[in-house]
N, C-alpha and C. Protein backbone atom coordinates (compact mmCIF):
# COMPACT_ATOMS: atom_id res chain seq x y z
N MET A 1 40.36 -53.61 163.13
CA MET A 1 39.47 -54.90 163.73
C MET A 1 39.86 -54.59 164.75
N ILE A 2 39.09 -54.36 165.89
CA ILE A 2 38.97 -54.27 167.37
C ILE A 2 38.82 -55.59 168.08
N LEU A 3 39.93 -56.60 168.43
CA LEU A 3 39.56 -58.00 168.99
C LEU A 3 39.73 -58.04 170.61
N THR A 4 39.12 -58.43 171.23
CA THR A 4 39.12 -58.43 172.81
C THR A 4 38.26 -60.06 173.53
N ASN A 5 38.61 -60.14 174.52
CA ASN A 5 37.96 -61.42 175.09
C ASN A 5 36.90 -60.58 176.14
N LEU A 6 36.64 -59.32 176.03
CA LEU A 6 35.56 -59.03 176.74
C LEU A 6 34.08 -58.82 176.15
N GLU A 7 33.30 -58.60 176.60
CA GLU A 7 31.97 -58.86 176.02
C GLU A 7 31.31 -57.65 175.54
N SER A 8 32.01 -56.70 175.69
CA SER A 8 31.80 -55.36 175.22
C SER A 8 33.01 -54.44 175.49
N ILE A 9 32.84 -53.32 174.53
CA ILE A 9 33.99 -52.24 174.71
C ILE A 9 33.41 -50.90 175.15
N PRO A 10 34.10 -50.49 176.55
CA PRO A 10 33.78 -49.32 177.24
C PRO A 10 33.59 -48.13 176.25
N GLY A 11 32.72 -47.74 176.20
CA GLY A 11 32.57 -46.14 175.32
C GLY A 11 31.81 -46.86 174.04
N LYS A 12 31.61 -48.02 173.71
CA LYS A 12 31.32 -48.32 172.35
C LYS A 12 30.05 -48.91 172.37
N THR A 13 28.94 -48.80 171.37
CA THR A 13 27.95 -49.68 171.12
C THR A 13 27.89 -50.52 170.08
N ILE A 14 27.44 -51.67 170.33
CA ILE A 14 26.96 -52.98 169.41
C ILE A 14 26.13 -52.18 168.58
N THR A 15 26.00 -52.03 167.30
CA THR A 15 24.93 -51.61 166.68
C THR A 15 24.57 -52.81 165.85
N GLN A 16 25.34 -53.86 165.42
CA GLN A 16 24.54 -55.23 164.84
C GLN A 16 25.51 -56.45 165.08
N HIS A 17 24.86 -57.01 165.88
CA HIS A 17 25.26 -58.55 165.93
C HIS A 17 25.41 -59.53 164.65
N LEU A 18 26.50 -59.67 164.34
CA LEU A 18 26.89 -60.66 162.77
C LEU A 18 27.24 -62.23 163.25
N GLY A 19 27.15 -62.47 164.38
CA GLY A 19 27.38 -64.04 164.75
C GLY A 19 28.43 -64.53 165.03
N LEU A 20 28.58 -65.62 165.35
CA LEU A 20 29.94 -66.46 165.67
C LEU A 20 31.22 -66.70 164.23
N VAL A 21 32.27 -66.22 164.42
CA VAL A 21 33.17 -66.44 163.58
C VAL A 21 34.23 -67.37 164.19
N GLN A 22 35.37 -67.93 163.24
CA GLN A 22 36.18 -69.01 163.89
C GLN A 22 37.34 -68.97 162.82
N GLY A 23 38.20 -69.40 163.42
CA GLY A 23 40.12 -69.89 162.89
C GLY A 23 40.07 -70.90 163.31
N SER A 24 40.71 -71.48 162.43
CA SER A 24 41.51 -72.68 163.28
C SER A 24 42.96 -73.07 162.38
N THR A 25 43.90 -73.76 162.90
CA THR A 25 44.74 -74.43 162.14
C THR A 25 45.40 -75.65 162.94
N VAL A 26 45.68 -76.76 162.18
CA VAL A 26 46.10 -78.14 162.74
C VAL A 26 47.76 -77.91 162.20
N ARG A 27 48.52 -78.37 163.41
CA ARG A 27 49.93 -78.10 163.49
C ARG A 27 50.48 -79.63 163.70
N ALA A 28 51.26 -80.15 163.24
CA ALA A 28 52.22 -81.56 163.95
C ALA A 28 53.33 -80.99 164.26
N LYS A 29 53.70 -81.93 165.01
CA LYS A 29 55.44 -81.65 165.85
C LYS A 29 56.42 -81.95 164.56
N HIS A 30 57.24 -81.18 165.29
CA HIS A 30 58.49 -81.79 163.93
C HIS A 30 59.36 -82.65 164.58
N ALA A 31 59.96 -83.68 164.14
CA ALA A 31 60.91 -84.64 165.15
C ALA A 31 62.12 -84.01 165.89
N GLY A 32 62.69 -82.85 164.74
CA GLY A 32 63.90 -82.30 165.36
C GLY A 32 63.50 -81.59 166.82
N ARG A 33 62.43 -80.92 166.65
CA ARG A 33 61.91 -80.34 168.05
C ARG A 33 61.62 -81.04 169.35
N ASP A 34 61.10 -82.39 168.64
CA ASP A 34 60.62 -83.43 169.46
C ASP A 34 62.24 -84.14 170.31
N ILE A 35 63.36 -84.03 169.88
CA ILE A 35 64.29 -84.57 170.45
C ILE A 35 64.80 -83.34 171.35
N MET A 36 65.06 -82.09 170.82
CA MET A 36 65.49 -81.13 171.64
C MET A 36 64.21 -81.00 173.01
N ALA A 37 62.99 -81.33 172.86
CA ALA A 37 62.30 -81.02 173.86
C ALA A 37 62.49 -82.24 174.66
N GLY A 38 62.63 -83.27 174.48
CA GLY A 38 63.13 -84.65 175.43
C GLY A 38 64.36 -84.15 176.20
N LEU A 39 65.17 -83.57 175.30
CA LEU A 39 66.36 -83.02 176.41
C LEU A 39 66.00 -81.92 177.42
N LYS A 40 64.83 -81.12 177.29
CA LYS A 40 64.35 -80.01 177.80
C LYS A 40 63.87 -80.93 179.13
N ASN A 41 62.91 -81.97 178.79
CA ASN A 41 62.35 -82.36 180.10
C ASN A 41 63.27 -83.13 181.06
N ILE A 42 64.62 -83.66 180.40
CA ILE A 42 65.24 -83.96 181.30
C ILE A 42 66.00 -82.85 182.34
N PHE A 43 66.53 -81.71 181.49
CA PHE A 43 67.18 -80.88 182.43
C PHE A 43 66.24 -79.71 183.12
N GLY A 44 65.05 -79.73 182.17
CA GLY A 44 64.12 -78.36 182.53
C GLY A 44 64.39 -77.10 181.65
N GLY A 45 63.62 -76.28 181.61
CA GLY A 45 63.51 -75.13 181.17
C GLY A 45 62.32 -75.21 180.11
N GLU A 46 62.16 -73.86 179.45
CA GLU A 46 61.42 -73.37 178.46
C GLU A 46 61.58 -74.45 177.25
N LEU A 47 60.16 -75.02 176.61
CA LEU A 47 60.59 -75.63 175.35
C LEU A 47 59.99 -74.56 174.16
N GLU A 48 61.59 -73.62 173.92
CA GLU A 48 60.93 -72.53 173.03
C GLU A 48 60.69 -73.08 171.65
N ALA A 49 61.03 -74.12 171.10
CA ALA A 49 60.23 -74.72 169.70
C ALA A 49 58.72 -74.95 169.48
N TYR A 50 58.48 -75.32 170.98
CA TYR A 50 56.65 -75.45 171.17
C TYR A 50 56.02 -74.41 171.30
N THR A 51 56.88 -73.17 172.22
CA THR A 51 56.39 -71.71 172.48
C THR A 51 56.08 -71.25 171.02
N GLU A 52 57.08 -71.07 170.19
CA GLU A 52 57.40 -70.59 169.00
C GLU A 52 55.79 -71.12 168.04
N LEU A 53 55.59 -72.66 167.71
CA LEU A 53 54.83 -73.60 167.22
C LEU A 53 53.63 -72.74 167.53
N LEU A 54 53.21 -72.83 168.76
CA LEU A 54 52.15 -72.36 169.40
C LEU A 54 51.68 -71.02 169.14
N GLN A 55 52.80 -70.17 169.07
CA GLN A 55 52.47 -68.53 168.70
C GLN A 55 52.36 -68.32 167.37
N GLU A 56 52.86 -69.26 166.46
CA GLU A 56 52.33 -69.09 165.07
C GLU A 56 50.90 -69.57 164.90
N SER A 57 50.66 -70.52 165.63
CA SER A 57 49.25 -71.25 165.65
C SER A 57 48.33 -70.17 165.74
N ARG A 58 48.44 -69.48 166.96
CA ARG A 58 47.76 -68.52 167.31
C ARG A 58 47.45 -67.36 166.51
N GLU A 59 48.51 -67.01 165.76
CA GLU A 59 48.50 -66.09 164.89
C GLU A 59 47.57 -66.51 163.61
N GLU A 60 48.03 -67.59 163.04
CA GLU A 60 47.21 -68.20 162.07
C GLU A 60 45.80 -68.51 162.44
N ALA A 61 45.50 -68.75 163.36
CA ALA A 61 43.82 -68.88 163.72
C ALA A 61 43.26 -67.71 163.85
N ILE A 62 43.91 -66.49 164.49
CA ILE A 62 43.48 -65.45 164.69
C ILE A 62 43.18 -64.70 163.22
N SER A 63 44.06 -64.91 162.25
CA SER A 63 43.87 -64.21 160.99
C SER A 63 42.88 -64.87 160.27
N ARG A 64 42.70 -66.15 160.34
CA ARG A 64 41.45 -66.50 159.53
C ARG A 64 40.23 -66.33 160.15
N MET A 65 40.47 -66.13 161.54
CA MET A 65 38.92 -65.83 162.37
C MET A 65 38.52 -64.00 161.69
N VAL A 66 39.55 -63.38 161.77
CA VAL A 66 39.23 -61.92 161.30
C VAL A 66 39.02 -61.64 159.74
N GLU A 67 39.53 -62.63 158.75
CA GLU A 67 39.14 -62.99 157.60
C GLU A 67 37.73 -62.99 157.42
N GLN A 68 37.24 -63.84 158.45
CA GLN A 68 35.85 -64.40 158.24
C GLN A 68 35.15 -63.12 158.59
N ALA A 69 35.39 -62.65 159.54
CA ALA A 69 34.61 -61.39 160.22
C ALA A 69 34.50 -60.28 159.34
N GLN A 70 35.74 -59.92 158.37
CA GLN A 70 35.80 -58.82 157.71
C GLN A 70 34.73 -59.33 156.62
N SER A 71 34.82 -60.57 156.19
CA SER A 71 34.12 -60.60 154.76
C SER A 71 32.24 -60.66 155.09
N ILE A 72 31.93 -60.61 156.39
CA ILE A 72 30.41 -60.15 156.96
C ILE A 72 30.48 -59.03 156.99
N GLY A 73 31.47 -58.05 157.09
CA GLY A 73 30.94 -56.69 157.64
C GLY A 73 31.42 -56.26 158.94
N ALA A 74 32.06 -57.32 160.03
CA ALA A 74 32.49 -56.65 161.04
C ALA A 74 33.48 -55.81 161.32
N ASN A 75 33.58 -55.02 162.36
CA ASN A 75 34.73 -54.06 162.79
C ASN A 75 35.06 -54.37 164.19
N ALA A 76 34.47 -55.58 164.78
CA ALA A 76 35.15 -55.86 165.77
C ALA A 76 34.88 -57.48 166.18
N ILE A 77 35.60 -57.89 167.19
CA ILE A 77 35.31 -59.71 167.50
C ILE A 77 35.37 -59.59 168.90
N LEU A 78 34.49 -59.87 169.36
CA LEU A 78 34.10 -59.67 171.14
C LEU A 78 34.13 -60.93 171.40
N ASN A 79 34.52 -61.30 173.03
CA ASN A 79 34.48 -62.48 173.52
C ASN A 79 35.22 -63.46 173.12
N ILE A 80 36.93 -63.36 172.59
CA ILE A 80 37.30 -64.29 171.94
C ILE A 80 37.62 -65.36 172.96
N ARG A 81 37.76 -66.80 172.42
CA ARG A 81 38.27 -67.55 173.14
C ARG A 81 39.16 -68.26 172.49
N PHE A 82 40.14 -69.34 173.02
CA PHE A 82 40.63 -70.17 172.26
C PHE A 82 40.46 -71.46 172.91
N SER A 83 40.84 -72.90 172.02
CA SER A 83 40.85 -74.09 172.50
C SER A 83 41.72 -74.99 171.71
N THR A 84 42.34 -75.99 172.25
CA THR A 84 43.07 -76.99 171.49
C THR A 84 42.48 -78.05 171.67
N SER A 85 42.87 -78.98 170.93
CA SER A 85 42.69 -80.41 170.92
C SER A 85 43.70 -81.30 170.19
N SER A 86 43.53 -82.46 170.20
CA SER A 86 44.52 -83.50 169.78
C SER A 86 43.90 -84.15 168.91
N ILE A 87 44.56 -83.82 167.55
CA ILE A 87 43.79 -84.56 166.19
C ILE A 87 44.19 -85.92 165.98
N THR A 88 45.35 -85.97 165.84
CA THR A 88 46.23 -87.48 166.10
C THR A 88 47.53 -87.34 166.74
N GLN A 89 47.91 -88.38 166.94
CA GLN A 89 49.35 -88.45 167.79
C GLN A 89 50.60 -87.70 166.87
N GLY A 90 50.77 -86.58 167.61
CA GLY A 90 51.70 -85.73 167.01
C GLY A 90 51.31 -84.45 166.32
N ALA A 91 49.67 -84.46 165.98
CA ALA A 91 49.40 -83.35 165.63
C ALA A 91 48.07 -82.62 166.73
N SER A 92 48.35 -81.34 166.58
CA SER A 92 46.95 -80.63 167.38
C SER A 92 46.28 -79.41 166.82
N GLU A 93 45.15 -79.27 167.15
CA GLU A 93 44.53 -78.15 166.46
C GLU A 93 44.28 -76.94 167.37
N LEU A 94 44.47 -75.78 166.93
CA LEU A 94 44.37 -74.81 167.79
C LEU A 94 43.01 -73.72 167.07
N PHE A 95 41.94 -73.89 167.85
CA PHE A 95 40.95 -73.14 167.39
C PHE A 95 40.45 -71.89 168.15
N THR A 96 40.16 -70.95 167.39
CA THR A 96 39.94 -69.50 167.93
C THR A 96 38.58 -69.35 167.52
N TYR A 97 37.72 -68.42 168.32
CA TYR A 97 36.52 -67.89 168.07
C TYR A 97 35.57 -66.80 168.93
N GLY A 98 34.87 -66.30 168.15
CA GLY A 98 34.61 -64.99 169.08
C GLY A 98 33.13 -64.38 168.03
N THR A 99 32.51 -63.52 168.69
CA THR A 99 31.44 -62.93 168.21
C THR A 99 31.68 -61.63 167.10
N ALA A 100 31.32 -61.82 166.10
CA ALA A 100 31.62 -60.71 165.35
C ALA A 100 30.53 -59.57 165.62
N VAL A 101 30.33 -58.47 165.43
CA VAL A 101 29.92 -57.23 165.70
C VAL A 101 30.20 -56.12 164.80
N LYS A 102 29.25 -54.89 164.61
CA LYS A 102 29.71 -53.88 164.42
C LYS A 102 29.37 -52.78 165.21
N LEU A 103 30.46 -52.22 165.60
CA LEU A 103 30.39 -51.17 166.74
C LEU A 103 30.26 -49.55 166.36
N ASN A 104 29.89 -48.85 167.00
CA ASN A 104 29.65 -47.41 166.69
C ASN A 104 30.64 -46.76 167.72
């Protein structure tokens, strides 16, 4: 499966447009991570626990999007985008979407 944020792949031809595919995950913050993040806010530095949480969320959302694309016969997803939103206090959604196509 080819994944890209480009609208086309150089040297490839879109032979079939299969439509929008998407994947999402909703994750809640962990109390222990919040305590460490609070300390980092005071002293500065990367919030590594949240970086890890976001990476896991992206991977899960992409995996779900790829599953959906495979189920409709796509071999590529073009123009991939990510979005985040707050669902409730302490929980956020990471959403990814793109255009499923067949490439030649």
